[in-house]
Amino acid sequence: MAYTVISRPSCLWCDKAIDLLYEEGIDYDKIDITLDPWVRTLLIKAEFTTVPQVFDHNGIHIGGYEELAQHINNLDIYQ
């Protein structure tokens, strides 16, 4: 299973999150909120006001880029 990155075009932090997952060899799916209004509605309902929003392979919300970097750092500690 893959991580999920909810992003938008021309978003530096979205690109950094995707690059980090790629560099770590973690599979991911990217969802563009400009192409999927349903996802944008869900983000608003969940009170997420920024992108990226990253979820792990179990659907657990990680957060944005900084939280993802910390999450990956914690994974490295335990491996």
PDB file of N, CA and C in Angstrom:
ATOM      1  N   MET A   1       0.830  -1.179   0.000  1.00  0.00           N
ATOM      2  CA  MET A   1       0.000   0.000   0.000  1.00  0.00           C
ATOM      3  C   MET A   1       0.876   1.244   0.000  1.00  0.00           C
ATOM      4  N   ALA A   2       0.315   2.334  -0.479  1.00  0.00           N
ATOM      5  CA  ALA A   2       1.082   3.556  -0.658  1.00  0.00           C
ATOM      6  C   ALA A   2       0.612   4.659   0.290  1.00  0.00           C
ATOM      7  N   TYR A   3       1.485   5.604   0.513  1.00  0.00           N
ATOM      8  CA  TYR A   3       1.114   6.829   1.206  1.00  0.00           C
ATOM      9  C   TYR A   3       0.278   7.670   0.253  1.00  0.00           C
ATOM     10  N   THR A   4      -0.457   8.619   0.765  1.00  0.00           N
ATOM     11  CA  THR A   4      -1.258   9.520  -0.062  1.00  0.00           C
ATOM     12  C   THR A   4      -0.844  10.944   0.240  1.00  0.00           C
ATOM     13  N   VAL A   5      -0.594  11.704  -0.823  1.00  0.00           N
ATOM     14  CA  VAL A   5      -0.241  13.112  -0.693  1.00  0.00           C
ATOM     15  C   VAL A   5      -1.326  13.921  -1.398  1.00  0.00           C
ATOM     16  N   ILE A   6      -2.035  14.723  -0.633  1.00  0.00           N
ATOM     17  CA  ILE A   6      -3.016  15.631  -1.220  1.00  0.00           C
ATOM     18  C   ILE A   6      -2.292  16.942  -1.473  1.00  0.00           C
ATOM     19  N   SER A   7      -2.318  17.379  -2.719  1.00  0.00           N
ATOM     20  CA  SER A   7      -1.490  18.514  -3.118  1.00  0.00           C
ATOM     21  C   SER A   7      -2.232  19.406  -4.104  1.00  0.00           C
ATOM     22  N   ARG A   8      -1.528  20.435  -4.536  1.00  0.00           N
ATOM     23  CA  ARG A   8      -2.006  21.306  -5.607  1.00  0.00           C
ATOM     24  C   ARG A   8      -0.805  21.683  -6.464  1.00  0.00           C
ATOM     25  N   PRO A   9      -1.048  22.094  -7.701  1.00  0.00           N
ATOM     26  CA  PRO A   9       0.058  22.492  -8.574  1.00  0.00           C
ATOM     27  C   PRO A   9       0.798  23.718  -8.019  1.00  0.00           C
ATOM     28  N   SER A  10       2.055  23.822  -8.355  1.00  0.00           N
ATOM     29  CA  SER A  10       2.911  24.953  -7.979  1.00  0.00           C
ATOM     30  C   SER A  10       3.008  25.146  -6.475  1.00  0.00           C
ATOM     31  N   CYS A  11       3.002  24.054  -5.742  1.00  0.00           N
ATOM     32  CA  CYS A  11       3.126  24.101  -4.285  1.00  0.00           C
ATOM     33  C   CYS A  11       4.500  23.555  -3.918  1.00  0.00           C
ATOM     34  N   LEU A  12       5.367  24.421  -3.442  1.00  0.00           N
ATOM     35  CA  LEU A  12       6.735  24.034  -3.095  1.00  0.00           C
ATOM     36  C   LEU A  12       6.755  22.928  -2.048  1.00  0.00           C
ATOM     37  N   TRP A  13       5.936  23.058  -0.989  1.00  0.00           N
ATOM     38  CA  TRP A  13       5.940  22.070   0.083  1.00  0.00           C
ATOM     39  C   TRP A  13       5.366  20.736  -0.384  1.00  0.00           C
ATOM     40  N   CYS A  14       4.406  20.788  -1.299  1.00  0.00           N
ATOM     41  CA  CYS A  14       3.871  19.546  -1.878  1.00  0.00           C
ATOM     42  C   CYS A  14       4.972  18.828  -2.648  1.00  0.00           C
ATOM     43  N   ASP A  15       5.699  19.584  -3.469  1.00  0.00           N
ATOM     44  CA  ASP A  15       6.796  19.004  -4.246  1.00  0.00           C
ATOM     45  C   ASP A  15       7.875  18.429  -3.330  1.00  0.00           C
ATOM     46  N   LYS A  16       8.176  19.138  -2.242  1.00  0.00           N
ATOM     47  CA  LYS A  16       9.194  18.643  -1.303  1.00  0.00           C
ATOM     48  C   LYS A  16       8.742  17.346  -0.640  1.00  0.00           C
ATOM     49  N   ALA A  17       7.462  17.260  -0.274  1.00  0.00           N
ATOM     50  CA  ALA A  17       6.936  16.038   0.349  1.00  0.00           C
ATOM     51  C   ALA A  17       7.033  14.863  -0.622  1.00  0.00           C
ATOM     52  N   ILE A  18       6.658  15.100  -1.863  1.00  0.00           N
ATOM     53  CA  ILE A  18       6.710  14.042  -2.874  1.00  0.00           C
ATOM     54  C   ILE A  18       8.161  13.631  -3.132  1.00  0.00           C
ATOM     55  N   ASP A  19       9.053  14.608  -3.222  1.00  0.00           N
ATOM     56  CA  ASP A  19      10.477  14.301  -3.419  1.00  0.00           C
ATOM     57  C   ASP A  19      11.028  13.476  -2.267  1.00  0.00           C
ATOM     58  N   LEU A  20      10.638  13.814  -1.032  1.00  0.00           N
ATOM     59  CA  LEU A  20      11.115  13.086   0.139  1.00  0.00           C
ATOM     60  C   LEU A  20      10.642  11.633   0.103  1.00  0.00           C
ATOM     61  N   LEU A  21       9.375  11.429  -0.206  1.00  0.00           N
ATOM     62  CA  LEU A  21       8.866  10.057  -0.306  1.00  0.00           C
ATOM     63  C   LEU A  21       9.612   9.286  -1.388  1.00  0.00           C
ATOM     64  N   TYR A  22       9.831   9.926  -2.531  1.00  0.00           N
ATOM     65  CA  TYR A  22      10.545   9.286  -3.637  1.00  0.00           C
ATOM     66  C   TYR A  22      11.968   8.907  -3.212  1.00  0.00           C
ATOM     67  N   GLU A  23      12.666   9.867  -2.579  1.00  0.00           N
ATOM     68  CA  GLU A  23      14.047   9.618  -2.157  1.00  0.00           C
ATOM     69  C   GLU A  23      14.142   8.485  -1.137  1.00  0.00           C
ATOM     70  N   GLU A  24      13.121   8.345  -0.305  1.00  0.00           N
ATOM     71  CA  GLU A  24      13.111   7.294   0.713  1.00  0.00           C
ATOM     72  C   GLU A  24      12.598   5.965   0.167  1.00  0.00           C
ATOM     73  N   GLY A  25      12.192   5.951  -1.094  1.00  0.00           N
ATOM     74  CA  GLY A  25      11.697   4.726  -1.698  1.00  0.00           C
ATOM     75  C   GLY A  25      10.314   4.318  -1.202  1.00  0.00           C
ATOM     76  N   ILE A  26       9.533   5.300  -0.761  1.00  0.00           N
ATOM     77  CA  ILE A  26       8.188   5.035  -0.258  1.00  0.00           C
ATOM     78  C   ILE A  26       7.185   5.286  -1.378  1.00  0.00           C
ATOM     79  N   ASP A  27       6.378   4.277  -1.676  1.00  0.00           N
ATOM     80  CA  ASP A  27       5.342   4.436  -2.700  1.00  0.00           C
ATOM     81  C   ASP A  27       4.323   5.458  -2.240  1.00  0.00           C
ATOM     82  N   TYR A  28       3.810   6.227  -3.194  1.00  0.00           N
ATOM     83  CA  TYR A  28       2.809   7.239  -2.854  1.00  0.00           C
ATOM     84  C   TYR A  28       1.851   7.436  -4.017  1.00  0.00           C
ATOM     85  N   ASP A  29       0.669   7.890  -3.653  1.00  0.00           N
ATOM     86  CA  ASP A  29      -0.324   8.342  -4.618  1.00  0.00           C
ATOM     87  C   ASP A  29      -0.500   9.829  -4.396  1.00  0.00           C
ATOM     88  N   LYS A  30      -0.596  10.572  -5.479  1.00  0.00           N
ATOM     89  CA  LYS A  30      -0.749  12.018  -5.397  1.00  0.00           C
ATOM     90  C   LYS A  30      -2.163  12.377  -5.842  1.00  0.00           C
ATOM     91  N   ILE A  31      -2.854  13.167  -5.025  1.00  0.00           N
ATOM     92  CA  ILE A  31      -4.193  13.634  -5.371  1.00  0.00           C
ATOM     93  C   ILE A  31      -4.139  15.152  -5.477  1.00  0.00           C
ATOM     94  N   ASP A  32      -4.501  15.665  -6.641  1.00  0.00           N
ATOM     95  CA  ASP A  32      -4.491  17.101  -6.914  1.00  0.00           C
ATOM     96  C   ASP A  32      -5.864  17.673  -6.560  1.00  0.00           C
ATOM     97  N   ILE A  33      -5.915  18.579  -5.579  1.00  0.00           N
ATOM     98  CA  ILE A  33      -7.210  19.103  -5.150  1.00  0.00           C
ATOM     99  C   ILE A  33      -7.872  19.967  -6.218  1.00  0.00           C
ATOM    100  N   THR A  34      -7.092  20.452  -7.181  1.00  0.00           N
ATOM    101  CA  THR A  34      -7.712  21.265  -8.233  1.00  0.00           C
ATOM    102  C   THR A  34      -8.449  20.391  -9.247  1.00  0.00           C
ATOM    103  N   LEU A  35      -8.155  19.100  -9.261  1.00  0.00           N
ATOM    104  CA  LEU A  35      -8.814  18.189 -10.197  1.00  0.00           C
ATOM    105  C   LEU A  35      -9.914  17.375  -9.539  1.00  0.00           C
ATOM    106  N   ASP A  36      -9.975  17.411  -8.217  1.00  0.00           N
ATOM    107  CA  ASP A  36     -10.949  16.590  -7.504  1.00  0.00           C
ATOM    108  C   ASP A  36     -11.660  17.421  -6.439  1.00  0.00           C
ATOM    109  N   PRO A  37     -12.797  18.038  -6.794  1.00  0.00           N
ATOM    110  CA  PRO A  37     -13.494  18.898  -5.833  1.00  0.00           C
ATOM    111  C   PRO A  37     -13.976  18.157  -4.582  1.00  0.00           C
ATOM    112  N   TRP A  38     -14.212  16.867  -4.691  1.00  0.00           N
ATOM    113  CA  TRP A  38     -14.643  16.089  -3.536  1.00  0.00           C
ATOM    114  C   TRP A  38     -13.556  16.077  -2.462  1.00  0.00           C
ATOM    115  N   VAL A  39     -12.316  15.930  -2.871  1.00  0.00           N
ATOM    116  CA  VAL A  39     -11.204  15.918  -1.914  1.00  0.00           C
ATOM    117  C   VAL A  39     -11.068  17.294  -1.257  1.00  0.00           C
ATOM    118  N   ARG A  40     -11.224  18.342  -2.035  1.00  0.00           N
ATOM    119  CA  ARG A  40     -11.156  19.690  -1.465  1.00  0.00           C
ATOM    120  C   ARG A  40     -12.242  19.874  -0.406  1.00  0.00           C
ATOM    121  N   THR A  41     -13.435  19.378  -0.678  1.00  0.00           N
ATOM    122  CA  THR A  41     -14.535  19.458   0.288  1.00  0.00           C
ATOM    123  C   THR A  41     -14.189  18.692   1.565  1.00  0.00           C
ATOM    124  N   LEU A  42     -13.603  17.513   1.410  1.00  0.00           N
ATOM    125  CA  LEU A  42     -13.207  16.736   2.585  1.00  0.00           C
ATOM    126  C   LEU A  42     -12.153  17.465   3.418  1.00  0.00           C
ATOM    127  N   LEU A  43     -11.199  18.100   2.760  1.00  0.00           N
ATOM    128  CA  LEU A  43     -10.170  18.847   3.490  1.00  0.00           C
ATOM    129  C   LEU A  43     -10.795  19.990   4.287  1.00  0.00           C
ATOM    130  N   ILE A  44     -11.728  20.685   3.673  1.00  0.00           N
ATOM    131  CA  ILE A  44     -12.402  21.786   4.358  1.00  0.00           C
ATOM    132  C   ILE A  44     -13.184  21.265   5.557  1.00  0.00           C
ATOM    133  N   LYS A  45     -13.909  20.175   5.382  1.00  0.00           N
ATOM    134  CA  LYS A  45     -14.686  19.578   6.477  1.00  0.00           C
ATOM    135  C   LYS A  45     -13.772  19.132   7.624  1.00  0.00           C
ATOM    136  N   ALA A  46     -12.585  18.652   7.289  1.00  0.00           N
ATOM    137  CA  ALA A  46     -11.629  18.204   8.300  1.00  0.00           C
ATOM    138  C   ALA A  46     -10.819  19.367   8.880  1.00  0.00           C
ATOM    139  N   GLU A  47     -11.087  20.572   8.386  1.00  0.00           N
ATOM    140  CA  GLU A  47     -10.417  21.794   8.825  1.00  0.00           C
ATOM    141  C   GLU A  47      -8.924  21.805   8.525  1.00  0.00           C
ATOM    142  N   PHE A  48      -8.544  21.140   7.438  1.00  0.00           N
ATOM    143  CA  PHE A  48      -7.171  21.238   6.936  1.00  0.00           C
ATOM    144  C   PHE A  48      -7.140  22.421   5.988  1.00  0.00           C
ATOM    145  N   THR A  49      -6.319  23.407   6.290  1.00  0.00           N
ATOM    146  CA  THR A  49      -6.323  24.636   5.501  1.00  0.00           C
ATOM    147  C   THR A  49      -5.117  24.773   4.584  1.00  0.00           C
ATOM    148  N   THR A  50      -4.193  23.822   4.664  1.00  0.00           N
ATOM    149  CA  THR A  50      -2.993  23.897   3.839  1.00  0.00           C
ATOM    150  C   THR A  50      -2.744  22.559   3.160  1.00  0.00           C
ATOM    151  N   VAL A  51      -1.925  22.590   2.139  1.00  0.00           N
ATOM    152  CA  VAL A  51      -1.419  21.386   1.501  1.00  0.00           C
ATOM    153  C   VAL A  51       0.095  21.483   1.546  1.00  0.00           C
ATOM    154  N   PRO A  52       0.791  20.374   1.542  1.00  0.00           N
ATOM    155  CA  PRO A  52       0.260  19.026   1.383  1.00  0.00           C
ATOM    156  C   PRO A  52      -0.373  18.518   2.680  1.00  0.00           C
ATOM    157  N   GLN A  53      -1.232  17.554   2.519  1.00  0.00           N
ATOM    158  CA  GLN A  53      -1.717  16.740   3.622  1.00  0.00           C
ATOM    159  C   GLN A  53      -1.331  15.311   3.275  1.00  0.00           C
ATOM    160  N   VAL A  54      -0.590  14.680   4.157  1.00  0.00           N
ATOM    161  CA  VAL A  54      -0.033  13.355   3.888  1.00  0.00           C
ATOM    162  C   VAL A  54      -0.659  12.336   4.838  1.00  0.00           C
ATOM    163  N   PHE A  55      -0.998  11.184   4.275  1.00  0.00           N
ATOM    164  CA  PHE A  55      -1.554  10.068   5.035  1.00  0.00           C
ATOM    165  C   PHE A  55      -0.673   8.852   4.789  1.00  0.00           C
ATOM    166  N   ASP A  56      -0.454   8.054   5.830  1.00  0.00           N
ATOM    167  CA  ASP A  56       0.385   6.870   5.659  1.00  0.00           C
ATOM    168  C   ASP A  56      -0.380   5.745   4.972  1.00  0.00           C
ATOM    169  N   HIS A  57       0.266   4.619   4.805  1.00  0.00           N
ATOM    170  CA  HIS A  57      -0.313   3.494   4.074  1.00  0.00           C
ATOM    171  C   HIS A  57      -1.516   2.884   4.783  1.00  0.00           C
ATOM    172  N   ASN A  58      -1.722   3.237   6.065  1.00  0.00           N
ATOM    173  CA  ASN A  58      -2.899   2.772   6.801  1.00  0.00           C
ATOM    174  C   ASN A  58      -3.999   3.822   6.840  1.00  0.00           C
ATOM    175  N   GLY A  59      -3.789   4.950   6.164  1.00  0.00           N
ATOM    176  CA  GLY A  59      -4.777   6.021   6.155  1.00  0.00           C
ATOM    177  C   GLY A  59      -4.683   6.953   7.348  1.00  0.00           C
ATOM    178  N   ILE A  60      -3.619   6.814   8.143  1.00  0.00           N
ATOM    179  CA  ILE A  60      -3.424   7.674   9.313  1.00  0.00           C
ATOM    180  C   ILE A  60      -2.851   9.011   8.848  1.00  0.00           C
ATOM    181  N   HIS A  61      -3.459  10.100   9.309  1.00  0.00           N
ATOM    182  CA  HIS A  61      -3.003  11.432   8.924  1.00  0.00           C
ATOM    183  C   HIS A  61      -1.653  11.723   9.571  1.00  0.00           C
ATOM    184  N   ILE A  62      -0.690  12.125   8.747  1.00  0.00           N
ATOM    185  CA  ILE A  62       0.638  12.489   9.222  1.00  0.00           C
ATOM    186  C   ILE A  62       0.732  13.997   9.392  1.00  0.00           C
ATOM    187  N   GLY A  63       0.269  14.733   8.398  1.00  0.00           N
ATOM    188  CA  GLY A  63       0.343  16.197   8.430  1.00  0.00           C
ATOM    189  C   GLY A  63       0.959  16.708   7.146  1.00  0.00           C
ATOM    190  N   GLY A  64       1.680  17.812   7.255  1.00  0.00           N
ATOM    191  CA  GLY A  64       2.337  18.421   6.107  1.00  0.00           C
ATOM    192  C   GLY A  64       3.765  17.935   5.946  1.00  0.00           C
ATOM    193  N   TYR A  65       4.554  18.724   5.215  1.00  0.00           N
ATOM    194  CA  TYR A  65       5.922  18.318   4.907  1.00  0.00           C
ATOM    195  C   TYR A  65       6.761  18.097   6.170  1.00  0.00           C
ATOM    196  N   GLU A  66       6.733  19.048   7.091  1.00  0.00           N
ATOM    197  CA  GLU A  66       7.582  18.933   8.279  1.00  0.00           C
ATOM    198  C   GLU A  66       7.221  17.709   9.114  1.00  0.00           C
ATOM    199  N   GLU A  67       5.936  17.442   9.251  1.00  0.00           N
ATOM    200  CA  GLU A  67       5.505  16.258   9.990  1.00  0.00           C
ATOM    201  C   GLU A  67       5.906  14.984   9.252  1.00  0.00           C
ATOM    202  N   LEU A  68       5.852  15.021   7.932  1.00  0.00           N
ATOM    203  CA  LEU A  68       6.288  13.870   7.136  1.00  0.00           C
ATOM    204  C   LEU A  68       7.772  13.611   7.341  1.00  0.00           C
ATOM    205  N   ALA A  69       8.583  14.669   7.313  1.00  0.00           N
ATOM    206  CA  ALA A  69      10.023  14.507   7.517  1.00  0.00           C
ATOM    207  C   ALA A  69      10.306  13.896   8.892  1.00  0.00           C
ATOM    208  N   GLN A  70       9.604  14.346   9.911  1.00  0.00           N
ATOM    209  CA  GLN A  70       9.781  13.788  11.258  1.00  0.00           C
ATOM    210  C   GLN A  70       9.314  12.336  11.297  1.00  0.00           C
ATOM    211  N   HIS A  71       8.202  12.050  10.651  1.00  0.00           N
ATOM    212  CA  HIS A  71       7.669  10.690  10.584  1.00  0.00           C
ATOM    213  C   HIS A  71       8.696   9.743   9.950  1.00  0.00           C
ATOM    214  N   ILE A  72       9.270  10.161   8.848  1.00  0.00           N
ATOM    215  CA  ILE A  72      10.260   9.332   8.161  1.00  0.00           C
ATOM    216  C   ILE A  72      11.510   9.180   9.022  1.00  0.00           C
ATOM    217  N   ASN A  73      11.911  10.237   9.696  1.00  0.00           N
ATOM    218  CA  ASN A  73      13.061  10.165  10.599  1.00  0.00           C
ATOM    219  C   ASN A  73      12.783   9.130  11.697  1.00  0.00           C
ATOM    220  N   ASN A  74      11.585   9.113  12.235  1.00  0.00           N
ATOM    221  CA  ASN A  74      11.232   8.136  13.262  1.00  0.00           C
ATOM    222  C   ASN A  74      11.228   6.715  12.697  1.00  0.00           C
ATOM    223  N   LEU A  75      10.796   6.551  11.442  1.00  0.00           N
ATOM    224  CA  LEU A  75      10.844   5.228  10.816  1.00  0.00           C
ATOM    225  C   LEU A  75      12.275   4.738  10.715  1.00  0.00           C
ATOM    226  N   ASP A  76      13.193   5.634  10.352  1.00  0.00           N
ATOM    227  CA  ASP A  76      14.608   5.264  10.210  1.00  0.00           C
ATOM    228  C   ASP A  76      15.204   4.823  11.538  1.00  0.00           C
ATOM    229  N   ILE A  77      14.778   5.428  12.620  1.00  0.00           N
ATOM    230  CA  ILE A  77      15.294   5.079  13.950  1.00  0.00           C
ATOM    231  C   ILE A  77      14.955   3.635  14.296  1.00  0.00           C
ATOM    232  N   TYR A  78      13.755   3.213  13.921  1.00  0.00           N
ATOM    233  CA  TYR A  78      13.283   1.877  14.319  1.00  0.00           C
ATOM    234  C   TYR A  78      13.652   0.771  13.336  1.00  0.00           C
ATOM    235  N   GLN A  79      14.357   1.113  12.278  1.00  0.00           N
ATOM    236  CA  GLN A  79      14.734   0.066  11.311  1.00  0.00           C
ATOM    237  C   GLN A  79      16.171  -0.336  11.472  1.00  0.00           C
TER     238      GLN A  79
END
